[in-house]
């Protein structure tokens, strides 16, 4: 299997079910988006959640994609930063248990990043993210990972890193210098909306494969029609994918177009659906599969993860999802 590495925010997800949207409004969180919070905001979130049941799991967009790829049998690596604390120990142990080579910077001065993930009854997830030590990830961490694994073929990057312009440019420049194919997930519609012009230049200059969901594609293209948005994305990257939820996914690769229908599944939690879609697509991509088959793989992996709470799926079930 191919060597695929990732870089992103190393976070521990705190998964919390809520009954409606009142808490999101109270905490000033955009439903379905990701909002960065400071220490005071984290304290406010903790107070709001103290009477609610919660579960912890490794998180971070690129980390989730690498997790799924490792389960599919790929040789994987991940660069990130965690605190020198119990949550950091948990994160590192989970990565290594999956066989992923984790190049994790340990930061003594900051705690491991926490993404409090609010899940509404419709399965939608909304993130309140305190980056903590995760913000210390650097292009140097990536270079160390690449040096240790010169056989790496693809670097998968989460769009959340774009909030630090210098960091994302350094990371993507290092990837280009190393000859890696760059896969990039736009991450969140509100981030795309805020950073649209910078993001377009970034994708055009450095990215080979770009992933977006329908809302992110609309924010990028300023067009509600996903077909129009796809063509705009394909104008700045050789391979572009737009996920259209229950309707499936559409994509273009060097001018070729393909579409796949959605799968009918009970939606429990949409956390990491896009991340697992990216894993399925990349699994097909490195295997030389057709564009349609790559989209199909992505659809099936996303379909599996939305049926569970969090991202833990039986390995055999995940592997069967791409045995189509």
C-alpha atoms as a PDB file:
ATOM      1  CA  UNK A   1       0.000   0.000   0.000  1.00  0.00           C
ATOM      2  CA  UNK A   2       1.064   3.591  -0.580  1.00  0.00           C
ATOM      3  CA  UNK A   3       2.716   5.797   2.012  1.00  0.00           C
ATOM      4  CA  UNK A   4       0.333   8.659   2.780  1.00  0.00           C
ATOM      5  CA  UNK A   5       1.129  11.270   5.396  1.00  0.00           C
ATOM      6  CA  UNK A   6      -0.910  14.070   6.906  1.00  0.00           C
ATOM      7  CA  UNK A   7      -0.439  17.281   8.821  1.00  0.00           C
ATOM      8  CA  UNK A   8      -2.980  19.168  10.858  1.00  0.00           C
ATOM      9  CA  UNK A   9      -4.319  20.069  14.253  1.00  0.00           C
ATOM     10  CA  UNK A  10      -3.815  17.182  16.682  1.00  0.00           C
ATOM     11  CA  UNK A  11      -6.990  17.404  18.752  1.00  0.00           C
ATOM     12  CA  UNK A  12      -8.955  15.316  21.179  1.00  0.00           C
ATOM     13  CA  UNK A  13     -12.653  15.426  20.364  1.00  0.00           C
ATOM     14  CA  UNK A  14     -15.111  15.732  23.231  1.00  0.00           C
ATOM     15  CA  UNK A  15     -18.344  14.460  21.692  1.00  0.00           C
ATOM     16  CA  UNK A  16     -21.550  15.853  23.205  1.00  0.00           C
ATOM     17  CA  UNK A  17     -25.146  15.204  22.141  1.00  0.00           C
ATOM     18  CA  UNK A  18     -27.510  18.163  22.504  1.00  0.00           C
ATOM     19  CA  UNK A  19     -31.285  18.240  22.054  1.00  0.00           C
ATOM     20  CA  UNK A  20     -31.587  21.354  19.917  1.00  0.00           C
ATOM     21  CA  UNK A  21     -29.763  24.474  18.766  1.00  0.00           C
ATOM     22  CA  UNK A  22     -30.273  26.701  21.810  1.00  0.00           C
ATOM     23  CA  UNK A  23     -26.859  25.844  23.238  1.00  0.00           C
ATOM     24  CA  UNK A  24     -25.175  26.668  19.934  1.00  0.00           C
ATOM     25  CA  UNK A  25     -26.861  30.077  19.945  1.00  0.00           C
ATOM     26  CA  UNK A  26     -25.928  30.643  23.585  1.00  0.00           C
ATOM     27  CA  UNK A  27     -22.268  29.879  22.813  1.00  0.00           C
ATOM     28  CA  UNK A  28     -22.354  31.889  19.538  1.00  0.00           C
ATOM     29  CA  UNK A  29     -21.438  28.858  17.436  1.00  0.00           C
ATOM     30  CA  UNK A  30     -22.349  28.615  13.741  1.00  0.00           C
ATOM     31  CA  UNK A  31     -24.178  25.328  13.229  1.00  0.00           C
ATOM     32  CA  UNK A  32     -22.167  22.954  11.049  1.00  0.00           C
ATOM     33  CA  UNK A  33     -19.065  25.129  11.265  1.00  0.00           C
ATOM     34  CA  UNK A  34     -15.912  25.373  13.340  1.00  0.00           C
ATOM     35  CA  UNK A  35     -15.324  28.260  15.747  1.00  0.00           C
ATOM     36  CA  UNK A  36     -11.995  28.857  17.450  1.00  0.00           C
ATOM     37  CA  UNK A  37     -12.312  29.651  21.146  1.00  0.00           C
ATOM     38  CA  UNK A  38      -9.828  30.939  23.722  1.00  0.00           C
ATOM     39  CA  UNK A  39      -9.337  29.714  27.289  1.00  0.00           C
ATOM     40  CA  UNK A  40     -12.290  31.749  28.524  1.00  0.00           C
ATOM     41  CA  UNK A  41     -14.446  30.280  25.767  1.00  0.00           C
ATOM     42  CA  UNK A  42     -13.307  26.768  26.671  1.00  0.00           C
ATOM     43  CA  UNK A  43     -14.256  27.379  30.292  1.00  0.00           C
ATOM     44  CA  UNK A  44     -17.689  28.578  29.146  1.00  0.00           C
ATOM     45  CA  UNK A  45     -18.139  25.460  27.003  1.00  0.00           C
ATOM     46  CA  UNK A  46     -17.146  23.202  29.893  1.00  0.00           C
ATOM     47  CA  UNK A  47     -19.705  24.812  32.186  1.00  0.00           C
ATOM     48  CA  UNK A  48     -22.402  24.430  29.514  1.00  0.00           C
ATOM     49  CA  UNK A  49     -21.559  20.741  29.077  1.00  0.00           C
ATOM     50  CA  UNK A  50     -20.938  19.696  32.665  1.00  0.00           C
ATOM     51  CA  UNK A  51     -24.346  18.042  33.085  1.00  0.00           C
ATOM     52  CA  UNK A  52     -24.204  16.289  29.692  1.00  0.00           C
ATOM     53  CA  UNK A  53     -22.755  12.901  28.819  1.00  0.00           C
ATOM     54  CA  UNK A  54     -19.617  13.048  26.695  1.00  0.00           C
ATOM     55  CA  UNK A  55     -17.090  10.772  25.038  1.00  0.00           C
ATOM     56  CA  UNK A  56     -13.498  11.434  23.992  1.00  0.00           C
ATOM     57  CA  UNK A  57     -11.802  10.335  20.787  1.00  0.00           C
ATOM     58  CA  UNK A  58      -8.842  11.401  18.710  1.00  0.00           C
ATOM     59  CA  UNK A  59      -9.841  14.180  16.360  1.00  0.00           C
ATOM     60  CA  UNK A  60      -8.583  16.728  13.900  1.00  0.00           C
ATOM     61  CA  UNK A  61      -9.593  16.585  10.241  1.00  0.00           C
ATOM     62  CA  UNK A  62      -6.344  15.329   8.674  1.00  0.00           C
ATOM     63  CA  UNK A  63      -5.795  13.015  11.629  1.00  0.00           C
ATOM     64  CA  UNK A  64      -9.186  11.376  11.003  1.00  0.00           C
ATOM     65  CA  UNK A  65      -8.328  10.832   7.327  1.00  0.00           C
ATOM     66  CA  UNK A  66      -4.987   9.267   8.215  1.00  0.00           C
ATOM     67  CA  UNK A  67      -6.719   7.090  10.816  1.00  0.00           C
ATOM     68  CA  UNK A  68      -9.067   5.653   8.180  1.00  0.00           C
ATOM     69  CA  UNK A  69      -6.232   5.125   5.683  1.00  0.00           C
ATOM     70  CA  UNK A  70      -4.212   3.220   8.266  1.00  0.00           C
ATOM     71  CA  UNK A  71      -7.187   0.907   8.887  1.00  0.00           C
ATOM     72  CA  UNK A  72      -7.355   0.301   5.122  1.00  0.00           C
ATOM     73  CA  UNK A  73      -3.768  -0.948   5.257  1.00  0.00           C
ATOM     74  CA  UNK A  74      -1.822   2.053   4.029  1.00  0.00           C
ATOM     75  CA  UNK A  75       1.543   3.014   5.483  1.00  0.00           C
ATOM     76  CA  UNK A  76       0.712   6.282   7.238  1.00  0.00           C
ATOM     77  CA  UNK A  77       2.354   9.120   9.124  1.00  0.00           C
ATOM     78  CA  UNK A  78       1.083  12.253  10.822  1.00  0.00           C
ATOM     79  CA  UNK A  79       2.718  15.498  11.947  1.00  0.00           C
ATOM     80  CA  UNK A  80       1.142  17.550  14.721  1.00  0.00           C
ATOM     81  CA  UNK A  81       1.632  18.981  18.202  1.00  0.00           C
ATOM     82  CA  UNK A  82       0.112  18.012  21.554  1.00  0.00           C
ATOM     83  CA  UNK A  83       0.560  19.058  25.159  1.00  0.00           C
ATOM     84  CA  UNK A  84       2.761  17.233  27.631  1.00  0.00           C
ATOM     85  CA  UNK A  85      -0.331  15.969  29.440  1.00  0.00           C
ATOM     86  CA  UNK A  86      -2.720  13.032  29.773  1.00  0.00           C
ATOM     87  CA  UNK A  87      -4.722  14.051  26.689  1.00  0.00           C
ATOM     88  CA  UNK A  88      -1.478  14.204  24.704  1.00  0.00           C
ATOM     89  CA  UNK A  89      -0.585  10.714  25.937  1.00  0.00           C
ATOM     90  CA  UNK A  90      -4.041   9.483  24.892  1.00  0.00           C
ATOM     91  CA  UNK A  91      -3.708  11.002  21.432  1.00  0.00           C
ATOM     92  CA  UNK A  92      -0.245   9.565  20.791  1.00  0.00           C
ATOM     93  CA  UNK A  93      -1.189   6.101  22.072  1.00  0.00           C
ATOM     94  CA  UNK A  94      -4.243   6.005  19.806  1.00  0.00           C
ATOM     95  CA  UNK A  95      -2.218   6.984  16.730  1.00  0.00           C
ATOM     96  CA  UNK A  96       0.462   4.390  17.392  1.00  0.00           C
ATOM     97  CA  UNK A  97      -2.108   1.662  18.115  1.00  0.00           C
ATOM     98  CA  UNK A  98      -3.366   2.166  14.558  1.00  0.00           C
ATOM     99  CA  UNK A  99       0.126   1.793  13.123  1.00  0.00           C
ATOM    100  CA  UNK A 100       0.586   5.458  12.233  1.00  0.00           C
ATOM    101  CA  UNK A 101       4.053   6.954  12.577  1.00  0.00           C
ATOM    102  CA  UNK A 102       3.300  10.039  14.676  1.00  0.00           C
ATOM    103  CA  UNK A 103       5.766  12.932  14.516  1.00  0.00           C
ATOM    104  CA  UNK A 104       4.270  14.789  17.468  1.00  0.00           C
ATOM    105  CA  UNK A 105       5.853  17.844  19.011  1.00  0.00           C
ATOM    106  CA  UNK A 106       5.262  17.842  22.777  1.00  0.00           C
ATOM    107  CA  UNK A 107       4.529  21.348  24.058  1.00  0.00           C
ATOM    108  CA  UNK A 108       5.054  21.810  27.793  1.00  0.00           C
ATOM    109  CA  UNK A 109       3.573  25.301  27.949  1.00  0.00           C
ATOM    110  CA  UNK A 110       0.138  24.516  26.478  1.00  0.00           C
ATOM    111  CA  UNK A 111      -2.484  21.776  26.915  1.00  0.00           C
ATOM    112  CA  UNK A 112      -3.484  19.385  24.167  1.00  0.00           C
ATOM    113  CA  UNK A 113      -6.079  20.947  21.861  1.00  0.00           C
ATOM    114  CA  UNK A 114      -9.722  20.146  22.507  1.00  0.00           C
ATOM    115  CA  UNK A 115     -12.504  20.167  19.915  1.00  0.00           C
ATOM    116  CA  UNK A 116     -15.833  20.100  21.708  1.00  0.00           C
ATOM    117  CA  UNK A 117     -18.155  18.551  19.149  1.00  0.00           C
ATOM    118  CA  UNK A 118     -21.852  19.323  19.570  1.00  0.00           C
ATOM    119  CA  UNK A 119     -24.079  16.798  17.796  1.00  0.00           C
ATOM    120  CA  UNK A 120     -27.690  17.839  17.144  1.00  0.00           C
ATOM    121  CA  UNK A 121     -30.544  15.350  16.591  1.00  0.00           C
ATOM    122  CA  UNK A 122     -30.147  15.651  12.797  1.00  0.00           C
ATOM    123  CA  UNK A 123     -26.599  14.263  13.137  1.00  0.00           C
ATOM    124  CA  UNK A 124     -24.941  17.591  12.229  1.00  0.00           C
ATOM    125  CA  UNK A 125     -21.750  18.408  14.135  1.00  0.00           C
ATOM    126  CA  UNK A 126     -20.606  21.840  15.257  1.00  0.00           C
ATOM    127  CA  UNK A 127     -17.111  22.425  16.639  1.00  0.00           C
ATOM    128  CA  UNK A 128     -15.899  24.755  19.375  1.00  0.00           C
ATOM    129  CA  UNK A 129     -12.139  24.329  19.108  1.00  0.00           C
ATOM    130  CA  UNK A 130      -9.463  25.370  21.575  1.00  0.00           C
ATOM    131  CA  UNK A 131      -6.244  24.720  19.671  1.00  0.00           C
ATOM    132  CA  UNK A 132      -3.883  24.809  22.638  1.00  0.00           C
ATOM    133  CA  UNK A 133      -0.664  22.973  21.737  1.00  0.00           C
ATOM    134  CA  UNK A 134      -2.020  22.034  18.292  1.00  0.00           C
ATOM    135  CA  UNK A 135      -1.254  25.575  17.121  1.00  0.00           C
ATOM    136  CA  UNK A 136       2.456  24.832  17.475  1.00  0.00           C
ATOM    137  CA  UNK A 137       2.512  22.393  14.555  1.00  0.00           C
ATOM    138  CA  UNK A 138       5.147  23.497  12.072  1.00  0.00           C
ATOM    139  CA  UNK A 139       6.566  22.831   8.640  1.00  0.00           C
ATOM    140  CA  UNK A 140       9.619  21.536  10.518  1.00  0.00           C
ATOM    141  CA  UNK A 141       7.515  18.670  11.888  1.00  0.00           C
ATOM    142  CA  UNK A 142       6.470  17.819   8.348  1.00  0.00           C
ATOM    143  CA  UNK A 143      10.063  17.962   7.071  1.00  0.00           C
ATOM    144  CA  UNK A 144      11.138  15.573   9.821  1.00  0.00           C
ATOM    145  CA  UNK A 145       8.354  13.159   8.848  1.00  0.00           C
ATOM    146  CA  UNK A 146       9.270  13.350   5.156  1.00  0.00           C
ATOM    147  CA  UNK A 147      12.963  12.827   5.938  1.00  0.00           C
ATOM    148  CA  UNK A 148      12.088   9.692   7.892  1.00  0.00           C
ATOM    149  CA  UNK A 149       9.807   8.467   5.103  1.00  0.00           C
ATOM    150  CA  UNK A 150      11.181   9.564   1.705  1.00  0.00           C
ATOM    151  CA  UNK A 151       8.889   7.025   0.027  1.00  0.00           C
ATOM    152  CA  UNK A 152       5.801   9.089   0.919  1.00  0.00           C
ATOM    153  CA  UNK A 153       3.614   9.841  -2.104  1.00  0.00           C
ATOM    154  CA  UNK A 154       0.784  12.047  -0.828  1.00  0.00           C
ATOM    155  CA  UNK A 155       0.476  14.721   1.826  1.00  0.00           C
ATOM    156  CA  UNK A 156      -3.062  15.332   3.071  1.00  0.00           C
ATOM    157  CA  UNK A 157      -3.546  18.771   4.623  1.00  0.00           C
ATOM    158  CA  UNK A 158      -6.531  20.071   6.549  1.00  0.00           C
ATOM    159  CA  UNK A 159      -7.820  23.494   5.645  1.00  0.00           C
ATOM    160  CA  UNK A 160      -7.979  24.610   9.270  1.00  0.00           C
ATOM    161  CA  UNK A 161      -4.226  25.290   9.097  1.00  0.00           C
ATOM    162  CA  UNK A 162      -5.064  28.169   6.772  1.00  0.00           C
ATOM    163  CA  UNK A 163      -5.875  30.294   9.809  1.00  0.00           C
ATOM    164  CA  UNK A 164      -2.111  30.737  10.162  1.00  0.00           C
ATOM    165  CA  UNK A 165      -1.100  32.041   6.724  1.00  0.00           C
ATOM    166  CA  UNK A 166       2.651  31.712   7.238  1.00  0.00           C
ATOM    167  CA  UNK A 167       2.285  28.138   8.491  1.00  0.00           C
ATOM    168  CA  UNK A 168       0.155  26.891   5.616  1.00  0.00           C
ATOM    169  CA  UNK A 169       2.439  28.451   2.990  1.00  0.00           C
ATOM    170  CA  UNK A 170       5.505  26.941   4.691  1.00  0.00           C
ATOM    171  CA  UNK A 171       3.853  23.514   4.870  1.00  0.00           C
ATOM    172  CA  UNK A 172       2.742  23.487   1.250  1.00  0.00           C
ATOM    173  CA  UNK A 173       6.070  24.859   0.024  1.00  0.00           C
ATOM    174  CA  UNK A 174       7.859  22.060   1.887  1.00  0.00           C
ATOM    175  CA  UNK A 175       5.507  19.501   0.320  1.00  0.00           C
ATOM    176  CA  UNK A 176       6.192  20.843  -3.149  1.00  0.00           C
ATOM    177  CA  UNK A 177       9.955  20.767  -2.512  1.00  0.00           C
ATOM    178  CA  UNK A 178       9.659  17.133  -1.434  1.00  0.00           C
ATOM    179  CA  UNK A 179       7.789  16.223  -4.622  1.00  0.00           C
ATOM    180  CA  UNK A 180       4.626  15.183  -2.789  1.00  0.00           C
ATOM    181  CA  UNK A 181       1.168  15.192  -4.311  1.00  0.00           C
ATOM    182  CA  UNK A 182      -0.838  17.607  -2.157  1.00  0.00           C
ATOM    183  CA  UNK A 183      -4.377  16.738  -1.079  1.00  0.00           C
ATOM    184  CA  UNK A 184      -6.266  19.578   0.615  1.00  0.00           C
ATOM    185  CA  UNK A 185      -9.629  19.696   2.395  1.00  0.00           C
ATOM    186  CA  UNK A 186     -11.333  23.100   2.541  1.00  0.00           C
ATOM    187  CA  UNK A 187     -12.469  22.192   6.086  1.00  0.00           C
ATOM    188  CA  UNK A 188     -15.330  24.560   6.974  1.00  0.00           C
ATOM    189  CA  UNK A 189     -17.696  26.889   5.097  1.00  0.00           C
ATOM    190  CA  UNK A 190     -17.195  29.783   7.511  1.00  0.00           C
ATOM    191  CA  UNK A 191     -13.405  29.517   7.157  1.00  0.00           C
ATOM    192  CA  UNK A 192     -13.686  29.502   3.360  1.00  0.00           C
ATOM    193  CA  UNK A 193     -15.991  32.519   3.495  1.00  0.00           C
ATOM    194  CA  UNK A 194     -13.525  34.458   5.654  1.00  0.00           C
ATOM    195  CA  UNK A 195     -10.405  33.496   3.688  1.00  0.00           C
ATOM    196  CA  UNK A 196     -11.734  33.025   0.174  1.00  0.00           C
ATOM    197  CA  UNK A 197      -9.190  35.054  -1.840  1.00  0.00           C
ATOM    198  CA  UNK A 198      -6.151  33.727   0.020  1.00  0.00           C
ATOM    199  CA  UNK A 199      -7.495  30.176  -0.209  1.00  0.00           C
ATOM    200  CA  UNK A 200      -8.017  30.393  -3.969  1.00  0.00           C
ATOM    201  CA  UNK A 201      -4.417  31.515  -4.505  1.00  0.00           C
ATOM    202  CA  UNK A 202      -3.178  28.787  -2.190  1.00  0.00           C
ATOM    203  CA  UNK A 203      -5.058  26.021  -4.002  1.00  0.00           C
ATOM    204  CA  UNK A 204      -3.966  27.297  -7.408  1.00  0.00           C
ATOM    205  CA  UNK A 205      -0.279  27.465  -6.447  1.00  0.00           C
ATOM    206  CA  UNK A 206       0.169  24.341  -4.340  1.00  0.00           C
ATOM    207  CA  UNK A 207      -2.734  21.881  -4.402  1.00  0.00           C
ATOM    208  CA  UNK A 208      -3.294  18.840  -6.649  1.00  0.00           C
ATOM    209  CA  UNK A 209      -6.456  17.382  -5.087  1.00  0.00           C
ATOM    210  CA  UNK A 210      -9.077  19.571  -3.396  1.00  0.00           C
ATOM    211  CA  UNK A 211     -12.081  18.381  -1.367  1.00  0.00           C
ATOM    212  CA  UNK A 212     -15.132  20.486  -0.508  1.00  0.00           C
ATOM    213  CA  UNK A 213     -18.637  19.854   0.727  1.00  0.00           C
ATOM    214  CA  UNK A 214     -21.580  21.680  -0.823  1.00  0.00           C
ATOM    215  CA  UNK A 215     -21.449  24.635   1.605  1.00  0.00           C
ATOM    216  CA  UNK A 216     -17.683  25.036   1.290  1.00  0.00           C
ATOM    217  CA  UNK A 217     -17.869  24.865  -2.498  1.00  0.00           C
ATOM    218  CA  UNK A 218     -20.575  27.539  -2.504  1.00  0.00           C
ATOM    219  CA  UNK A 219     -18.472  29.805  -0.279  1.00  0.00           C
ATOM    220  CA  UNK A 220     -15.451  29.273  -2.537  1.00  0.00           C
ATOM    221  CA  UNK A 221     -17.250  29.848  -5.846  1.00  0.00           C
ATOM    222  CA  UNK A 222     -19.949  32.250  -4.610  1.00  0.00           C
ATOM    223  CA  UNK A 223     -22.339  30.002  -6.544  1.00  0.00           C
ATOM    224  CA  UNK A 224     -25.064  27.812  -5.000  1.00  0.00           C
ATOM    225  CA  UNK A 225     -25.054  25.310  -7.880  1.00  0.00           C
ATOM    226  CA  UNK A 226     -22.549  22.570  -6.912  1.00  0.00           C
ATOM    227  CA  UNK A 227     -21.888  21.750 -10.582  1.00  0.00           C
ATOM    228  CA  UNK A 228     -20.799  25.336 -11.228  1.00  0.00           C
ATOM    229  CA  UNK A 229     -18.785  25.352  -8.005  1.00  0.00           C
ATOM    230  CA  UNK A 230     -17.046  22.110  -9.010  1.00  0.00           C
ATOM    231  CA  UNK A 231     -15.929  23.598 -12.308  1.00  0.00           C
ATOM    232  CA  UNK A 232     -14.499  26.620 -10.536  1.00  0.00           C
ATOM    233  CA  UNK A 233     -12.570  24.369  -8.151  1.00  0.00           C
ATOM    234  CA  UNK A 234     -11.377  22.267 -11.102  1.00  0.00           C
ATOM    235  CA  UNK A 235     -10.061  25.475 -12.637  1.00  0.00           C
ATOM    236  CA  UNK A 236      -7.511  25.826  -9.825  1.00  0.00           C
ATOM    237  CA  UNK A 237      -6.687  22.179  -9.034  1.00  0.00           C
ATOM    238  CA  UNK A 238      -6.158  19.153 -11.295  1.00  0.00           C
ATOM    239  CA  UNK A 239      -8.585  17.073  -9.221  1.00  0.00           C
ATOM    240  CA  UNK A 240     -11.642  18.588  -7.524  1.00  0.00           C
ATOM    241  CA  UNK A 241     -14.372  16.895  -5.508  1.00  0.00           C
ATOM    242  CA  UNK A 242     -17.642  18.308  -4.194  1.00  0.00           C
ATOM    243  CA  UNK A 243     -19.621  16.206  -1.722  1.00  0.00           C
ATOM    244  CA  UNK A 244     -23.343  16.844  -1.942  1.00  0.00           C
ATOM    245  CA  UNK A 245     -24.524  15.014   1.162  1.00  0.00           C
ATOM    246  CA  UNK A 246     -27.223  12.396   0.735  1.00  0.00           C
ATOM    247  CA  UNK A 247     -27.192  13.024  -3.038  1.00  0.00           C
ATOM    248  CA  UNK A 248     -23.649  11.654  -3.341  1.00  0.00           C
ATOM    249  CA  UNK A 249     -20.569  13.328  -4.810  1.00  0.00           C
ATOM    250  CA  UNK A 250     -19.284  14.848  -8.036  1.00  0.00           C
ATOM    251  CA  UNK A 251     -15.724  15.258  -9.211  1.00  0.00           C
ATOM    252  CA  UNK A 252     -13.409  16.319 -12.023  1.00  0.00           C
ATOM    253  CA  UNK A 253      -9.910  15.080 -12.804  1.00  0.00           C
ATOM    254  CA  UNK A 254      -7.957  16.734 -15.628  1.00  0.00           C
ATOM    255  CA  UNK A 255     -11.213  17.646 -17.365  1.00  0.00           C
ATOM    256  CA  UNK A 256     -12.933  14.270 -16.832  1.00  0.00           C
ATOM    257  CA  UNK A 257     -16.253  14.410 -14.953  1.00  0.00           C
ATOM    258  CA  UNK A 258     -17.884  11.759 -12.769  1.00  0.00           C
ATOM    259  CA  UNK A 259     -20.783  11.560 -10.312  1.00  0.00           C
ATOM    260  CA  UNK A 260     -22.003   8.952  -7.851  1.00  0.00           C
ATOM    261  CA  UNK A 261     -25.307   8.670  -6.037  1.00  0.00           C
ATOM    262  CA  UNK A 262     -25.619   8.880  -2.291  1.00  0.00           C
ATOM    263  CA  UNK A 263     -26.137   5.878  -0.059  1.00  0.00           C
ATOM    264  CA  UNK A 264     -29.129   5.419   2.232  1.00  0.00           C
ATOM    265  CA  UNK A 265     -27.908   5.172   5.818  1.00  0.00           C
ATOM    266  CA  UNK A 266     -29.262   6.162   9.194  1.00  0.00           C
ATOM    267  CA  UNK A 267     -27.386   9.297  10.259  1.00  0.00           C
ATOM    268  CA  UNK A 268     -26.181   9.117  13.857  1.00  0.00           C
ATOM    269  CA  UNK A 269     -23.307  11.618  13.759  1.00  0.00           C
ATOM    270  CA  UNK A 270     -21.735  13.372  10.760  1.00  0.00           C
ATOM    271  CA  UNK A 271     -18.431  13.953  12.596  1.00  0.00           C
ATOM    272  CA  UNK A 272     -15.537  13.023  10.254  1.00  0.00           C
ATOM    273  CA  UNK A 273     -17.815  12.154   7.310  1.00  0.00           C
ATOM    274  CA  UNK A 274     -15.778  14.391   4.999  1.00  0.00           C
ATOM    275  CA  UNK A 275     -12.512  13.130   6.492  1.00  0.00           C
ATOM    276  CA  UNK A 276     -13.432   9.505   5.840  1.00  0.00           C
ATOM    277  CA  UNK A 277     -14.654  10.423   2.350  1.00  0.00           C
ATOM    278  CA  UNK A 278     -11.192  11.843   1.645  1.00  0.00           C
ATOM    279  CA  UNK A 279      -9.611   8.612   2.915  1.00  0.00           C
ATOM    280  CA  UNK A 280     -11.766   6.495   0.610  1.00  0.00           C
ATOM    281  CA  UNK A 281     -11.026   8.712  -2.376  1.00  0.00           C
ATOM    282  CA  UNK A 282      -7.271   8.713  -1.717  1.00  0.00           C
ATOM    283  CA  UNK A 283      -7.341   4.935  -1.263  1.00  0.00           C
ATOM    284  CA  UNK A 284      -8.701   4.641  -4.782  1.00  0.00           C
ATOM    285  CA  UNK A 285      -6.449   7.372  -6.162  1.00  0.00           C
ATOM    286  CA  UNK A 286      -3.185   5.707  -5.141  1.00  0.00           C
ATOM    287  CA  UNK A 287      -4.521   2.369  -6.385  1.00  0.00           C
ATOM    288  CA  UNK A 288      -5.048   3.788  -9.877  1.00  0.00           C
ATOM    289  CA  UNK A 289      -8.840   3.476  -9.720  1.00  0.00           C
ATOM    290  CA  UNK A 290     -11.123   5.464 -12.013  1.00  0.00           C
ATOM    291  CA  UNK A 291     -12.499   8.807 -10.861  1.00  0.00           C
ATOM    292  CA  UNK A 292     -15.954   7.275 -10.444  1.00  0.00           C
ATOM    293  CA  UNK A 293     -14.582   4.411  -8.352  1.00  0.00           C
ATOM    294  CA  UNK A 294     -12.598   6.863  -6.168  1.00  0.00           C
ATOM    295  CA  UNK A 295     -15.804   8.809  -5.504  1.00  0.00           C
ATOM    296  CA  UNK A 296     -17.592   5.552  -4.740  1.00  0.00           C
ATOM    297  CA  UNK A 297     -14.946   4.546  -2.207  1.00  0.00           C
ATOM    298  CA  UNK A 298     -15.277   7.938  -0.551  1.00  0.00           C
ATOM    299  CA  UNK A 299     -19.056   7.619  -0.430  1.00  0.00           C
ATOM    300  CA  UNK A 300     -18.911   4.197   1.190  1.00  0.00           C
ATOM    301  CA  UNK A 301     -16.414   5.201   3.895  1.00  0.00           C
ATOM    302  CA  UNK A 302     -18.401   8.336   4.726  1.00  0.00           C
ATOM    303  CA  UNK A 303     -21.517   6.179   4.841  1.00  0.00           C
ATOM    304  CA  UNK A 304     -19.942   3.955   7.475  1.00  0.00           C
ATOM    305  CA  UNK A 305     -18.728   6.703   9.806  1.00  0.00           C
ATOM    306  CA  UNK A 306     -22.045   8.583   9.914  1.00  0.00           C
ATOM    307  CA  UNK A 307     -23.669   5.474  11.399  1.00  0.00           C
ATOM    308  CA  UNK A 308     -21.545   5.574  14.563  1.00  0.00           C
ATOM    309  CA  UNK A 309     -20.956   7.995  17.398  1.00  0.00           C
ATOM    310  CA  UNK A 310     -17.459   9.403  16.793  1.00  0.00           C
ATOM    311  CA  UNK A 311     -14.974   7.722  14.462  1.00  0.00           C
ATOM    312  CA  UNK A 312     -14.356   4.259  15.890  1.00  0.00           C
ATOM    313  CA  UNK A 313     -15.511   1.631  13.377  1.00  0.00           C
ATOM    314  CA  UNK A 314     -14.690  -2.070  13.281  1.00  0.00           C
ATOM    315  CA  UNK A 315     -11.662  -2.462  10.988  1.00  0.00           C
ATOM    316  CA  UNK A 316     -13.282  -5.265   9.013  1.00  0.00           C
ATOM    317  CA  UNK A 317     -16.396  -3.186   8.368  1.00  0.00           C
ATOM    318  CA  UNK A 318     -14.302  -0.277   7.109  1.00  0.00           C
ATOM    319  CA  UNK A 319     -12.295  -2.531   4.787  1.00  0.00           C
ATOM    320  CA  UNK A 320     -15.463  -4.106   3.391  1.00  0.00           C
ATOM    321  CA  UNK A 321     -16.729  -0.606   2.569  1.00  0.00           C
ATOM    322  CA  UNK A 322     -14.111  -0.317  -0.189  1.00  0.00           C
ATOM    323  CA  UNK A 323     -14.514  -3.905  -1.361  1.00  0.00           C
ATOM    324  CA  UNK A 324     -17.058  -2.911  -4.006  1.00  0.00           C
END
